[in-house]
N, C-alpha and C. Protein backbone atom coordinates (compact mmCIF):
# COMPACT_ATOMS: atom_id res chain seq x y z
N MET A 1 252.18 -44.48 0.78
CA MET A 1 253.32 -43.64 1.13
C MET A 1 253.97 -42.98 -0.08
N ASN A 2 254.40 -41.91 -0.14
CA ASN A 2 255.12 -41.14 -1.34
C ASN A 2 256.47 -41.63 -1.38
N LYS A 3 256.88 -42.49 -2.25
CA LYS A 3 258.15 -43.05 -2.34
C LYS A 3 259.21 -42.06 -2.49
N GLU A 4 258.88 -41.12 -3.58
CA GLU A 4 259.79 -39.98 -3.84
C GLU A 4 260.10 -39.15 -2.64
N LEU A 5 259.16 -38.84 -1.98
CA LEU A 5 259.38 -38.14 -0.73
C LEU A 5 260.17 -38.84 0.26
N LEU A 6 259.94 -40.08 0.35
CA LEU A 6 260.56 -41.15 1.41
C LEU A 6 262.05 -41.16 1.02
N ILE A 7 262.39 -41.31 -0.33
CA ILE A 7 263.81 -41.33 -0.80
C ILE A 7 264.46 -40.02 -0.66
N LYS A 8 263.90 -38.91 -0.84
CA LYS A 8 264.50 -37.52 -0.66
C LYS A 8 264.80 -37.36 0.83
N ALA A 9 263.77 -37.63 1.60
CA ALA A 9 264.03 -37.50 3.23
C ALA A 9 265.20 -38.37 3.69
N ILE A 10 265.25 -39.49 3.30
CA ILE A 10 266.29 -40.41 3.71
C ILE A 10 267.63 -39.90 3.20
N SER A 11 267.58 -39.65 1.88
CA SER A 11 268.81 -38.98 1.38
C SER A 11 269.48 -37.69 1.98
N ARG A 12 268.61 -36.99 2.36
CA ARG A 12 269.04 -35.66 3.05
C ARG A 12 269.43 -36.04 4.49
N PHE A 13 268.69 -36.95 5.14
CA PHE A 13 268.99 -37.23 6.47
C PHE A 13 270.43 -37.82 6.53
N THR A 14 270.68 -38.92 5.60
CA THR A 14 271.87 -39.65 5.66
C THR A 14 273.00 -38.59 5.26
N ALA A 15 272.77 -37.79 4.28
CA ALA A 15 273.85 -36.71 3.88
C ALA A 15 274.20 -35.85 5.09
N GLY A 16 273.08 -35.42 5.95
CA GLY A 16 273.39 -34.51 7.00
C GLY A 16 274.27 -35.32 8.06
N VAL A 17 273.82 -36.46 8.32
CA VAL A 17 274.62 -37.23 9.46
C VAL A 17 275.99 -37.46 8.99
N LEU A 18 276.31 -37.70 7.74
CA LEU A 18 277.68 -37.93 7.29
C LEU A 18 278.53 -36.63 7.36
N LEU A 19 277.86 -35.49 6.94
CA LEU A 19 278.50 -34.20 6.90
C LEU A 19 278.91 -33.87 8.24
N VAL A 20 277.96 -33.89 9.22
CA VAL A 20 278.23 -33.36 10.59
C VAL A 20 279.33 -34.28 11.20
N MET A 21 279.29 -35.58 10.97
CA MET A 21 280.27 -36.38 11.61
C MET A 21 281.60 -36.19 11.02
N GLY A 22 281.62 -36.03 9.65
CA GLY A 22 282.87 -35.61 9.05
C GLY A 22 283.51 -34.28 9.48
N LEU A 23 282.75 -33.29 9.69
CA LEU A 23 283.15 -32.08 10.09
C LEU A 23 283.71 -32.08 11.58
N LEU A 24 283.18 -32.99 12.36
CA LEU A 24 283.56 -33.08 13.84
C LEU A 24 284.74 -34.05 13.96
N PHE A 25 284.61 -35.32 13.51
CA PHE A 25 285.63 -36.30 13.75
C PHE A 25 286.91 -36.26 12.92
N ILE A 26 286.88 -35.74 11.80
CA ILE A 26 287.92 -35.53 10.97
C ILE A 26 289.05 -34.54 11.48
N PRO A 27 288.55 -33.28 11.83
CA PRO A 27 289.29 -32.31 12.50
C PRO A 27 289.93 -32.84 13.91
N ALA A 28 289.01 -33.66 14.60
CA ALA A 28 289.42 -34.08 15.94
C ALA A 28 290.43 -35.13 15.84
N GLY A 29 290.61 -35.84 14.77
CA GLY A 29 291.51 -36.69 14.49
C GLY A 29 291.30 -38.06 15.12
N THR A 30 290.10 -38.28 15.68
CA THR A 30 289.63 -39.46 16.38
C THR A 30 288.24 -39.72 16.44
N LEU A 31 287.89 -40.96 16.72
CA LEU A 31 286.47 -41.20 16.87
C LEU A 31 286.09 -41.01 18.31
N ASN A 32 287.11 -41.18 19.24
CA ASN A 32 286.96 -40.92 20.62
C ASN A 32 286.72 -39.55 21.16
N TYR A 33 285.57 -39.00 20.62
CA TYR A 33 285.22 -37.53 21.01
C TYR A 33 283.80 -37.73 21.47
N PRO A 34 283.66 -37.85 22.84
CA PRO A 34 282.40 -38.23 23.38
C PRO A 34 281.34 -37.07 23.17
N GLN A 35 281.82 -35.75 23.25
CA GLN A 35 280.73 -34.73 22.98
C GLN A 35 280.22 -34.66 21.66
N ALA A 36 281.15 -35.06 20.63
CA ALA A 36 280.51 -35.25 19.26
C ALA A 36 279.55 -36.29 19.07
N TRP A 37 279.86 -37.38 19.68
CA TRP A 37 278.86 -38.45 19.59
C TRP A 37 277.43 -38.01 20.33
N LEU A 38 277.66 -37.18 21.36
CA LEU A 38 276.51 -36.83 22.07
C LEU A 38 275.61 -35.96 21.26
N LEU A 39 276.38 -34.99 20.67
CA LEU A 39 275.71 -34.13 19.74
C LEU A 39 274.83 -34.74 18.55
N THR A 40 275.65 -35.63 17.97
CA THR A 40 275.21 -36.38 16.78
C THR A 40 273.92 -37.09 17.18
N GLY A 41 273.86 -37.75 18.39
CA GLY A 41 272.72 -38.34 18.83
C GLY A 41 271.53 -37.51 19.21
N ILE A 42 271.74 -36.53 19.85
CA ILE A 42 270.56 -35.66 20.32
C ILE A 42 270.00 -34.80 19.03
N LEU A 43 271.08 -34.70 18.06
CA LEU A 43 270.55 -33.95 16.83
C LEU A 43 269.78 -34.81 15.92
N PHE A 44 270.29 -36.03 15.68
CA PHE A 44 269.55 -36.71 14.54
C PHE A 44 268.58 -37.77 14.97
N VAL A 45 268.55 -38.21 16.22
CA VAL A 45 267.61 -39.25 16.65
C VAL A 45 266.22 -38.54 16.74
N PRO A 46 266.09 -37.40 17.30
CA PRO A 46 264.84 -36.67 17.25
C PRO A 46 264.40 -36.22 15.88
N MET A 47 265.35 -35.85 15.14
CA MET A 47 265.15 -35.42 13.79
C MET A 47 264.62 -36.65 12.91
N PHE A 48 265.06 -37.84 13.16
CA PHE A 48 264.75 -38.93 12.53
C PHE A 48 263.13 -39.37 12.90
N ILE A 49 262.93 -39.26 14.15
CA ILE A 49 261.61 -39.50 14.74
C ILE A 49 260.67 -38.48 14.17
N ALA A 50 261.02 -37.36 14.19
CA ALA A 50 260.18 -36.22 13.77
C ALA A 50 259.81 -36.47 12.14
N GLY A 51 260.81 -36.97 11.46
CA GLY A 51 260.61 -37.12 9.95
C GLY A 51 259.61 -38.32 9.77
N LEU A 52 259.68 -39.29 10.66
CA LEU A 52 258.73 -40.44 10.59
C LEU A 52 257.24 -39.88 10.83
N VAL A 53 257.20 -38.96 11.81
CA VAL A 53 255.72 -38.68 12.16
C VAL A 53 255.25 -37.66 11.27
N MET A 54 256.14 -36.81 10.61
CA MET A 54 255.65 -35.98 9.43
C MET A 54 255.26 -36.80 8.23
N MET A 55 256.15 -37.76 7.94
CA MET A 55 255.86 -38.70 6.92
C MET A 55 254.36 -39.35 6.84
N LYS A 56 254.16 -39.71 8.10
CA LYS A 56 252.77 -40.36 8.38
C LYS A 56 251.62 -39.44 8.51
N LYS A 57 251.90 -38.38 9.31
CA LYS A 57 250.74 -37.45 9.53
C LYS A 57 250.65 -36.14 8.61
N ASN A 58 251.62 -35.67 8.14
CA ASN A 58 251.66 -34.43 7.37
C ASN A 58 252.75 -34.36 6.37
N PRO A 59 252.82 -35.25 5.28
CA PRO A 59 253.91 -35.27 4.25
C PRO A 59 253.97 -34.01 3.58
N GLU A 60 253.01 -33.14 3.52
CA GLU A 60 253.17 -31.78 2.75
C GLU A 60 254.09 -30.91 3.65
N LEU A 61 253.90 -31.04 5.06
CA LEU A 61 254.71 -30.17 5.85
C LEU A 61 256.30 -30.74 5.61
N LEU A 62 256.41 -32.14 5.54
CA LEU A 62 257.81 -32.52 5.33
C LEU A 62 258.32 -32.10 4.04
N MET A 63 257.70 -32.15 3.12
CA MET A 63 258.02 -31.69 1.75
C MET A 63 258.49 -30.18 1.88
N LYS A 64 257.71 -29.29 2.52
CA LYS A 64 258.04 -27.94 2.60
C LYS A 64 259.34 -27.79 3.50
N ARG A 65 259.57 -28.60 4.39
CA ARG A 65 260.88 -28.63 5.32
C ARG A 65 262.03 -29.08 4.40
N LEU A 66 261.78 -29.86 3.46
CA LEU A 66 262.88 -30.20 2.72
C LEU A 66 263.30 -29.43 1.60
N ASN A 67 262.42 -28.44 1.33
CA ASN A 67 262.64 -27.36 0.37
C ASN A 67 263.68 -26.40 0.73
N VAL A 68 264.75 -26.30 0.17
CA VAL A 68 265.87 -25.24 0.56
C VAL A 68 266.14 -24.28 -0.49
N ARG A 69 265.38 -24.16 -1.64
CA ARG A 69 265.58 -23.34 -2.84
C ARG A 69 264.94 -21.93 -2.45
N GLU A 70 265.74 -20.94 -2.11
CA GLU A 70 265.12 -19.71 -1.83
C GLU A 70 265.09 -18.83 -3.15
N GLU A 71 263.84 -18.12 -3.23
CA GLU A 71 263.68 -17.19 -4.28
C GLU A 71 264.24 -15.87 -4.08
N GLU A 72 264.26 -15.35 -2.53
CA GLU A 72 264.69 -14.04 -2.32
C GLU A 72 266.16 -14.11 -2.28
N SER A 73 266.85 -13.16 -3.05
CA SER A 73 268.37 -13.13 -3.13
C SER A 73 268.96 -12.76 -1.75
N GLU A 74 268.26 -11.95 -0.91
CA GLU A 74 268.74 -11.69 0.48
C GLU A 74 268.78 -13.02 1.22
N GLN A 75 267.84 -13.81 1.06
CA GLN A 75 267.76 -15.04 1.85
C GLN A 75 268.76 -15.99 1.41
N ARG A 76 269.13 -16.06 0.06
CA ARG A 76 270.40 -16.81 -0.29
C ARG A 76 271.50 -16.35 0.27
N GLU A 77 271.79 -15.08 0.59
CA GLU A 77 272.95 -14.60 1.20
C GLU A 77 272.98 -15.18 2.73
N VAL A 78 271.75 -15.15 3.34
CA VAL A 78 271.61 -15.55 4.74
C VAL A 78 272.14 -17.11 4.65
N ILE A 79 271.50 -17.98 3.83
CA ILE A 79 271.91 -19.32 3.74
C ILE A 79 273.46 -19.62 3.61
N LEU A 80 274.10 -18.71 2.86
CA LEU A 80 275.42 -18.89 2.69
C LEU A 80 276.24 -18.53 3.89
N LEU A 81 275.91 -17.48 4.44
CA LEU A 81 276.59 -17.04 5.67
C LEU A 81 276.40 -18.04 6.83
N SER A 82 275.12 -18.66 6.95
CA SER A 82 274.92 -19.56 7.89
C SER A 82 275.68 -20.87 7.63
N GLY A 83 275.76 -21.23 6.41
CA GLY A 83 276.60 -22.47 6.15
C GLY A 83 278.08 -22.30 6.35
N ILE A 84 278.74 -21.02 6.07
CA ILE A 84 280.03 -20.75 6.50
C ILE A 84 280.16 -20.91 7.91
N MET A 85 279.18 -20.24 8.62
CA MET A 85 279.25 -20.23 10.14
C MET A 85 279.31 -21.64 10.66
N PHE A 86 278.50 -22.53 10.13
CA PHE A 86 278.38 -24.03 10.64
C PHE A 86 279.58 -24.58 10.29
N LEU A 87 280.19 -24.50 9.23
CA LEU A 87 281.43 -25.13 8.87
C LEU A 87 282.57 -24.76 9.83
N ALA A 88 282.64 -23.42 10.06
CA ALA A 88 283.72 -22.92 10.84
C ALA A 88 283.50 -23.40 12.37
N ALA A 89 282.25 -23.48 12.85
CA ALA A 89 281.97 -23.78 14.11
C ALA A 89 282.17 -25.29 14.46
N PHE A 90 281.73 -26.22 13.53
CA PHE A 90 281.96 -27.54 13.79
C PHE A 90 283.53 -28.07 13.57
N ILE A 91 284.09 -27.54 12.51
CA ILE A 91 285.51 -27.71 12.39
C ILE A 91 286.41 -27.20 13.63
N SER A 92 286.11 -26.05 14.10
CA SER A 92 286.83 -25.51 15.23
C SER A 92 286.61 -26.32 16.45
N ALA A 93 285.44 -26.84 16.65
CA ALA A 93 285.22 -27.71 17.83
C ALA A 93 285.97 -29.03 17.58
N GLY A 94 286.03 -29.55 16.49
CA GLY A 94 286.93 -30.81 16.36
C GLY A 94 288.52 -30.44 16.55
N LEU A 95 289.02 -29.30 16.17
CA LEU A 95 290.16 -28.94 16.36
C LEU A 95 290.42 -28.72 17.74
N SER A 96 289.30 -27.98 18.48
CA SER A 96 289.54 -27.65 19.81
C SER A 96 289.80 -28.93 20.80
N PHE A 97 289.06 -29.99 20.24
CA PHE A 97 289.18 -31.27 21.07
C PHE A 97 290.45 -31.85 20.83
N ARG A 98 291.04 -31.75 19.75
CA ARG A 98 292.20 -32.39 19.24
C ARG A 98 293.36 -31.69 20.07
N PHE A 99 293.28 -30.54 20.05
CA PHE A 99 294.44 -29.67 20.78
C PHE A 99 294.10 -29.22 22.05
N GLN A 100 292.94 -29.49 22.46
CA GLN A 100 292.50 -28.95 23.78
C GLN A 100 292.61 -27.59 23.94
N TRP A 101 292.05 -26.86 22.96
CA TRP A 101 291.79 -25.36 22.91
C TRP A 101 290.63 -24.96 23.72
N LEU A 102 290.68 -24.39 24.85
CA LEU A 102 289.61 -23.80 25.61
C LEU A 102 288.49 -24.71 25.61
N MET A 103 288.64 -25.86 26.10
CA MET A 103 287.66 -26.87 26.28
C MET A 103 286.92 -26.75 27.60
N LEU A 104 285.57 -26.83 27.54
CA LEU A 104 284.68 -26.76 28.59
C LEU A 104 284.52 -28.01 29.42
N PRO A 105 284.25 -28.03 30.75
CA PRO A 105 284.00 -29.27 31.43
C PRO A 105 282.76 -30.01 30.80
N PHE A 106 282.77 -31.41 31.02
CA PHE A 106 281.58 -32.18 30.51
C PHE A 106 280.23 -31.82 31.08
N ALA A 107 280.29 -31.22 32.38
CA ALA A 107 279.05 -30.73 32.96
C ALA A 107 278.42 -29.66 32.18
N VAL A 108 279.12 -28.98 31.49
CA VAL A 108 278.64 -27.80 30.64
C VAL A 108 278.03 -28.38 29.25
N SER A 109 278.64 -29.52 28.84
CA SER A 109 278.04 -30.35 27.74
C SER A 109 276.65 -31.04 28.20
N MET A 110 276.43 -31.26 29.42
CA MET A 110 275.16 -31.90 29.81
C MET A 110 274.09 -30.86 29.96
N THR A 111 274.59 -29.51 30.34
CA THR A 111 273.74 -28.48 30.46
C THR A 111 273.27 -27.94 28.98
N GLY A 112 274.13 -27.93 28.07
CA GLY A 112 273.98 -27.67 26.68
C GLY A 112 272.97 -28.65 26.11
N THR A 113 273.18 -29.90 26.50
CA THR A 113 272.20 -31.05 26.01
C THR A 113 270.73 -30.80 26.49
N ILE A 114 270.70 -30.27 27.76
CA ILE A 114 269.22 -29.97 28.27
C ILE A 114 268.70 -28.82 27.51
N LEU A 115 269.50 -27.88 27.21
CA LEU A 115 268.95 -26.68 26.50
C LEU A 115 268.69 -27.06 25.03
N PHE A 116 269.48 -27.80 24.52
CA PHE A 116 269.30 -28.28 23.09
C PHE A 116 267.96 -29.15 22.92
N LEU A 117 267.72 -29.93 23.93
CA LEU A 117 266.52 -30.91 23.81
C LEU A 117 265.17 -29.94 24.07
N ALA A 118 265.39 -29.00 24.99
CA ALA A 118 264.17 -28.00 25.31
C ALA A 118 263.96 -27.28 24.13
N SER A 119 264.95 -26.73 23.48
CA SER A 119 264.62 -25.98 22.26
C SER A 119 264.07 -26.84 21.07
N TYR A 120 264.60 -28.13 20.94
CA TYR A 120 264.01 -29.09 19.96
C TYR A 120 262.41 -29.24 20.28
N ALA A 121 262.15 -29.38 21.62
CA ALA A 121 260.63 -29.58 21.92
C ALA A 121 259.88 -28.26 21.53
N LEU A 122 260.46 -27.14 21.77
CA LEU A 122 259.78 -25.87 21.39
C LEU A 122 259.70 -25.84 19.84
N TYR A 123 260.59 -26.35 19.17
CA TYR A 123 260.69 -26.30 17.70
C TYR A 123 259.52 -27.21 17.12
N ALA A 124 259.42 -28.28 17.92
CA ALA A 124 258.31 -29.19 17.43
C ALA A 124 256.89 -28.81 17.68
N GLU A 125 256.72 -27.90 18.78
CA GLU A 125 255.51 -27.46 19.08
C GLU A 125 255.17 -26.29 18.00
N VAL A 126 256.25 -25.50 17.59
CA VAL A 126 256.01 -24.59 16.55
C VAL A 126 255.57 -25.29 15.15
N LEU A 127 256.28 -26.25 14.80
CA LEU A 127 255.65 -27.05 13.63
C LEU A 127 254.25 -27.47 13.86
N ARG A 128 253.89 -27.93 15.06
CA ARG A 128 252.51 -28.40 15.28
C ARG A 128 251.53 -27.20 15.11
N GLU A 129 251.95 -26.09 15.56
CA GLU A 129 251.00 -24.84 15.49
C GLU A 129 250.90 -24.33 14.05
N ASN A 130 251.86 -24.37 13.31
CA ASN A 130 251.86 -23.65 12.01
C ASN A 130 252.25 -24.73 10.82
N THR A 131 251.35 -25.12 10.25
CA THR A 131 251.55 -26.08 9.07
C THR A 131 252.09 -25.43 7.80
N TYR A 132 252.20 -24.08 7.77
CA TYR A 132 252.72 -23.36 6.63
C TYR A 132 254.21 -23.21 6.65
N LEU A 133 254.83 -23.65 7.71
CA LEU A 133 256.23 -23.41 7.80
C LEU A 133 257.01 -24.05 6.83
N SER A 134 257.85 -23.37 6.12
CA SER A 134 258.75 -23.73 5.11
C SER A 134 260.11 -23.33 5.49
N ARG A 135 261.18 -24.06 4.93
CA ARG A 135 262.54 -23.55 5.05
C ARG A 135 262.92 -22.38 4.25
N THR A 136 262.04 -21.90 3.25
CA THR A 136 262.30 -20.89 2.38
C THR A 136 261.19 -19.71 2.87
N VAL A 137 261.64 -18.45 2.48
CA VAL A 137 260.83 -17.43 2.74
C VAL A 137 259.89 -17.23 1.55
N GLU A 138 258.67 -17.33 1.67
CA GLU A 138 257.64 -17.31 0.76
C GLU A 138 256.29 -17.18 1.22
N VAL A 139 255.22 -16.75 0.58
CA VAL A 139 253.92 -16.64 0.87
C VAL A 139 253.14 -17.88 0.11
N GLN A 140 252.57 -18.75 0.82
CA GLN A 140 252.17 -19.94 0.13
C GLN A 140 250.62 -19.73 -0.29
N GLU A 141 250.09 -20.59 -1.05
CA GLU A 141 248.75 -20.54 -1.55
C GLU A 141 247.78 -20.85 -0.43
N ASN A 142 246.77 -20.02 -0.19
CA ASN A 142 245.82 -20.22 0.89
C ASN A 142 246.44 -20.07 2.43
N GLN A 143 247.65 -19.41 2.36
CA GLN A 143 248.34 -19.22 3.73
C GLN A 143 247.56 -18.32 4.55
N LYS A 144 247.36 -18.57 5.90
CA LYS A 144 246.72 -17.64 6.70
C LYS A 144 247.66 -17.23 7.98
N VAL A 145 247.41 -16.10 8.43
CA VAL A 145 248.23 -15.68 9.70
C VAL A 145 247.95 -16.43 10.83
N ILE A 146 248.93 -17.00 11.53
CA ILE A 146 248.84 -17.77 12.72
C ILE A 146 249.17 -16.85 13.93
N ASP A 147 248.17 -16.61 14.73
CA ASP A 147 248.37 -15.60 15.87
C ASP A 147 248.05 -16.24 17.23
N THR A 148 247.99 -17.40 17.41
CA THR A 148 247.67 -18.29 18.74
C THR A 148 248.98 -18.87 19.16
N GLY A 149 248.78 -19.32 20.36
CA GLY A 149 249.89 -20.15 20.99
C GLY A 149 251.03 -19.42 21.15
N LEU A 150 252.37 -20.02 20.74
CA LEU A 150 253.59 -19.26 20.71
C LEU A 150 253.63 -18.05 19.76
N TYR A 151 252.84 -18.09 18.67
CA TYR A 151 252.73 -16.94 17.77
C TYR A 151 251.87 -15.80 18.38
N GLY A 152 251.28 -15.93 19.46
CA GLY A 152 250.62 -14.82 20.29
C GLY A 152 251.66 -14.27 21.20
N VAL A 153 252.85 -14.73 21.26
CA VAL A 153 254.04 -14.17 22.22
C VAL A 153 254.99 -13.54 21.36
N VAL A 154 255.55 -14.18 20.54
CA VAL A 154 256.52 -13.62 19.57
C VAL A 154 256.11 -13.97 18.00
N ARG A 155 256.57 -13.03 17.16
CA ARG A 155 256.24 -13.31 15.71
C ARG A 155 256.98 -14.39 15.14
N HIS A 156 258.15 -14.92 15.69
CA HIS A 156 258.99 -15.82 14.99
C HIS A 156 259.38 -16.93 16.06
N PRO A 157 258.50 -17.68 16.60
CA PRO A 157 258.83 -18.65 17.70
C PRO A 157 259.88 -19.69 17.12
N MET A 158 259.83 -19.95 15.78
CA MET A 158 260.63 -20.99 15.24
C MET A 158 262.11 -20.53 15.26
N TYR A 159 262.31 -19.28 15.03
CA TYR A 159 263.69 -18.61 15.09
C TYR A 159 264.06 -18.41 16.44
N MET A 160 263.16 -18.20 17.37
CA MET A 160 263.52 -18.11 18.78
C MET A 160 264.09 -19.44 19.18
N ALA A 161 263.48 -20.71 18.81
CA ALA A 161 263.90 -21.97 19.12
C ALA A 161 265.27 -22.27 18.44
N THR A 162 265.50 -21.86 17.25
CA THR A 162 266.73 -22.17 16.60
C THR A 162 267.86 -21.51 17.21
N VAL A 163 267.61 -20.18 17.66
CA VAL A 163 268.81 -19.46 18.35
C VAL A 163 269.23 -20.25 19.52
N VAL A 164 268.26 -20.73 20.41
CA VAL A 164 268.94 -21.49 21.55
C VAL A 164 269.35 -22.88 21.06
N LEU A 165 268.86 -23.42 20.04
CA LEU A 165 269.22 -24.72 19.49
C LEU A 165 270.68 -24.55 18.95
N PHE A 166 270.86 -23.45 18.29
CA PHE A 166 272.32 -23.28 17.64
C PHE A 166 273.30 -22.99 18.67
N LEU A 167 272.90 -22.26 19.53
CA LEU A 167 273.99 -21.73 20.56
C LEU A 167 274.20 -22.90 21.62
N SER A 168 273.22 -23.84 21.77
CA SER A 168 273.48 -24.84 22.53
C SER A 168 274.52 -26.00 22.08
N MET A 169 274.52 -26.01 20.67
CA MET A 169 275.44 -26.97 20.02
C MET A 169 276.92 -26.92 20.45
N PRO A 170 277.53 -25.61 20.45
CA PRO A 170 278.84 -25.72 20.84
C PRO A 170 279.05 -25.93 22.31
N LEU A 171 278.07 -25.72 23.09
CA LEU A 171 278.10 -26.07 24.63
C LEU A 171 278.14 -27.60 24.72
N VAL A 172 277.37 -28.31 23.78
CA VAL A 172 277.34 -29.78 23.98
C VAL A 172 278.72 -30.30 23.63
N LEU A 173 279.32 -29.48 22.48
CA LEU A 173 280.63 -29.90 21.96
C LEU A 173 281.85 -29.53 22.91
N GLY A 174 281.50 -28.71 23.90
CA GLY A 174 282.50 -28.26 24.92
C GLY A 174 283.48 -27.37 24.34
N SER A 175 283.12 -26.51 23.20
CA SER A 175 284.13 -25.70 22.69
C SER A 175 283.65 -24.16 22.83
N VAL A 176 284.59 -23.43 23.56
CA VAL A 176 284.55 -21.88 23.61
C VAL A 176 284.65 -21.31 22.33
N ILE A 177 285.60 -21.67 21.51
CA ILE A 177 285.91 -21.16 20.14
C ILE A 177 284.66 -21.33 19.23
N SER A 178 284.08 -22.51 19.21
CA SER A 178 282.85 -22.86 18.42
C SER A 178 281.68 -21.92 18.86
N PHE A 179 281.58 -21.71 20.13
CA PHE A 179 280.44 -20.95 20.74
C PHE A 179 280.50 -19.45 20.33
N MET A 180 281.80 -18.86 20.22
CA MET A 180 281.92 -17.59 19.80
C MET A 180 281.73 -17.40 18.36
N ILE A 181 281.99 -18.41 17.49
CA ILE A 181 281.55 -18.38 16.14
C ILE A 181 280.07 -18.43 15.91
N MET A 182 279.38 -19.44 16.73
CA MET A 182 278.04 -19.41 16.73
C MET A 182 277.19 -18.09 16.91
N LEU A 183 277.89 -17.36 17.82
CA LEU A 183 277.22 -16.09 18.08
C LEU A 183 276.94 -15.11 16.85
N PHE A 184 277.52 -15.57 15.71
CA PHE A 184 277.36 -14.79 14.49
C PHE A 184 275.96 -15.17 13.96
N TYR A 185 275.28 -16.14 14.46
CA TYR A 185 273.89 -16.59 14.08
C TYR A 185 272.96 -15.40 14.41
N ILE A 186 273.23 -14.75 15.52
CA ILE A 186 272.18 -13.75 15.97
C ILE A 186 272.04 -12.66 14.79
N PRO A 187 273.13 -11.94 14.47
CA PRO A 187 272.90 -10.89 13.21
C PRO A 187 272.43 -11.58 12.12
N ILE A 188 272.78 -12.88 11.76
CA ILE A 188 272.39 -13.57 10.49
C ILE A 188 270.85 -13.70 10.68
N ILE A 189 270.27 -14.16 11.82
CA ILE A 189 268.75 -14.42 11.81
C ILE A 189 268.06 -12.94 11.91
N VAL A 190 268.63 -12.02 12.43
CA VAL A 190 268.02 -10.71 12.50
C VAL A 190 267.97 -10.35 10.97
N LYS A 191 268.83 -10.41 10.15
CA LYS A 191 268.71 -10.11 8.77
C LYS A 191 267.75 -10.90 8.04
N ARG A 192 267.52 -12.21 8.28
CA ARG A 192 266.54 -13.03 7.78
C ARG A 192 265.19 -12.50 8.14
N ILE A 193 264.95 -12.28 9.45
CA ILE A 193 263.57 -11.89 9.98
C ILE A 193 263.21 -10.67 9.40
N ARG A 194 264.04 -9.67 9.20
CA ARG A 194 263.68 -8.23 8.64
C ARG A 194 263.27 -8.54 7.17
N ASN A 195 263.96 -9.21 6.42
CA ASN A 195 263.51 -9.59 5.07
C ASN A 195 262.10 -10.42 5.03
N GLU A 196 262.09 -11.42 5.85
CA GLU A 196 260.88 -12.35 5.88
C GLU A 196 259.72 -11.41 6.15
N GLU A 197 259.83 -10.51 7.17
CA GLU A 197 258.63 -9.73 7.50
C GLU A 197 258.24 -8.84 6.45
N GLN A 198 259.08 -8.36 5.66
CA GLN A 198 258.83 -7.45 4.59
C GLN A 198 257.93 -8.20 3.49
N VAL A 199 258.43 -9.53 3.20
CA VAL A 199 257.88 -10.29 2.24
C VAL A 199 256.39 -10.54 2.73
N LEU A 200 256.25 -11.17 4.04
CA LEU A 200 254.90 -11.44 4.55
C LEU A 200 253.95 -10.18 4.63
N LYS A 201 254.55 -9.09 4.94
CA LYS A 201 253.74 -7.82 5.06
C LYS A 201 253.15 -7.47 3.65
N ASN A 202 254.00 -7.65 2.62
CA ASN A 202 253.69 -7.22 1.31
C ASN A 202 252.56 -8.20 0.64
N GLY A 203 252.84 -9.55 0.99
CA GLY A 203 252.07 -10.61 0.29
C GLY A 203 251.09 -11.26 0.97
N LEU A 204 251.07 -11.29 2.43
CA LEU A 204 250.15 -12.00 3.20
C LEU A 204 249.01 -11.23 3.84
N PRO A 205 247.87 -11.28 3.31
CA PRO A 205 246.72 -10.56 3.96
C PRO A 205 246.63 -10.70 5.60
N GLY A 206 246.63 -9.58 6.17
CA GLY A 206 246.43 -9.64 7.64
C GLY A 206 247.80 -9.63 8.44
N TYR A 207 248.94 -9.66 7.79
CA TYR A 207 250.14 -9.79 8.36
C TYR A 207 250.65 -8.41 9.11
N ALA A 208 250.29 -7.37 8.37
CA ALA A 208 250.48 -6.15 8.80
C ALA A 208 249.81 -5.78 10.25
N GLY A 209 248.51 -6.22 10.34
CA GLY A 209 247.75 -6.13 11.56
C GLY A 209 248.36 -7.08 12.70
N TYR A 210 248.85 -8.17 12.25
CA TYR A 210 249.53 -9.28 13.20
C TYR A 210 250.76 -8.55 13.87
N MET A 211 251.44 -7.91 12.98
CA MET A 211 252.67 -7.12 13.48
C MET A 211 252.33 -6.11 14.44
N GLU A 212 251.13 -5.40 14.35
CA GLU A 212 250.67 -4.49 15.32
C GLU A 212 250.25 -5.16 16.60
N LYS A 213 249.47 -6.15 16.55
CA LYS A 213 249.05 -7.02 17.62
C LYS A 213 250.21 -7.68 18.39
N VAL A 214 251.18 -8.36 17.81
CA VAL A 214 252.28 -9.05 18.54
C VAL A 214 253.46 -8.23 18.28
N LYS A 215 254.02 -7.46 19.21
CA LYS A 215 254.99 -6.35 19.18
C LYS A 215 256.43 -7.11 18.99
N TYR A 216 256.62 -8.11 19.67
CA TYR A 216 258.08 -8.63 19.66
C TYR A 216 258.25 -9.80 18.57
N ARG A 217 259.35 -9.60 18.02
CA ARG A 217 259.77 -10.51 16.87
C ARG A 217 260.37 -11.86 17.45
N LEU A 218 261.46 -11.86 18.38
CA LEU A 218 262.12 -12.99 18.71
C LEU A 218 262.13 -13.27 20.21
N ILE A 219 262.35 -12.15 21.05
CA ILE A 219 262.57 -12.37 22.48
C ILE A 219 261.51 -11.58 23.15
N PRO A 220 260.49 -12.00 23.95
CA PRO A 220 259.44 -11.10 24.61
C PRO A 220 260.09 -10.04 25.41
N PHE A 221 259.59 -8.84 25.33
CA PHE A 221 259.89 -7.64 26.09
C PHE A 221 261.36 -7.10 25.66
N LEU A 222 261.91 -7.72 24.67
CA LEU A 222 263.29 -7.30 24.31
C LEU A 222 263.36 -6.83 22.89
N TRP A 223 263.03 -7.71 21.95
CA TRP A 223 263.12 -7.42 20.51
C TRP A 223 262.17 -8.41 19.64
């Protein structure tokens, strides 16, 4: 087992848990925020399990997923905007719970949980289909175009999964204000996709033909 990779993965995971809990519970002013505990559980338990699986079966993929250093300046801007969005969405959810601003019924939180877990499963399937997936926009050595499975339906199934994943989070938290903030992820991901496709078209043999074959980027029959 790669000890350096293990330490890096555990450190990132622990930091993520502490960050999300801090952003939710501190603004809420209490630990008695059931929806926040629910989101923390469904977010990090599957993530922990997926990390263990990748550590054992595909450590190279795990290493790629841990890499967050973007070379593309446009993608660095996307990451910055996404970070600001998440900060605002989570803090506003905590404040909404504290002051009961436009809170949704717990039944909506359960519906959001179902959507979240379904999108997580879709995300896992995308990782299984494409071992070249990195968190950064780049063309990797010996990379090939994947055009089967979900990649035969839309060109960016991972982003399709993350849109549902991110929009379901504020539903789990029961916050209308947080949901409105998370809607900004749509133009952010559109910006990322346009830049990523240009990079892949210029640097990955066969990608231009793949774009002709699979017409839709994110949502079948729409875009």
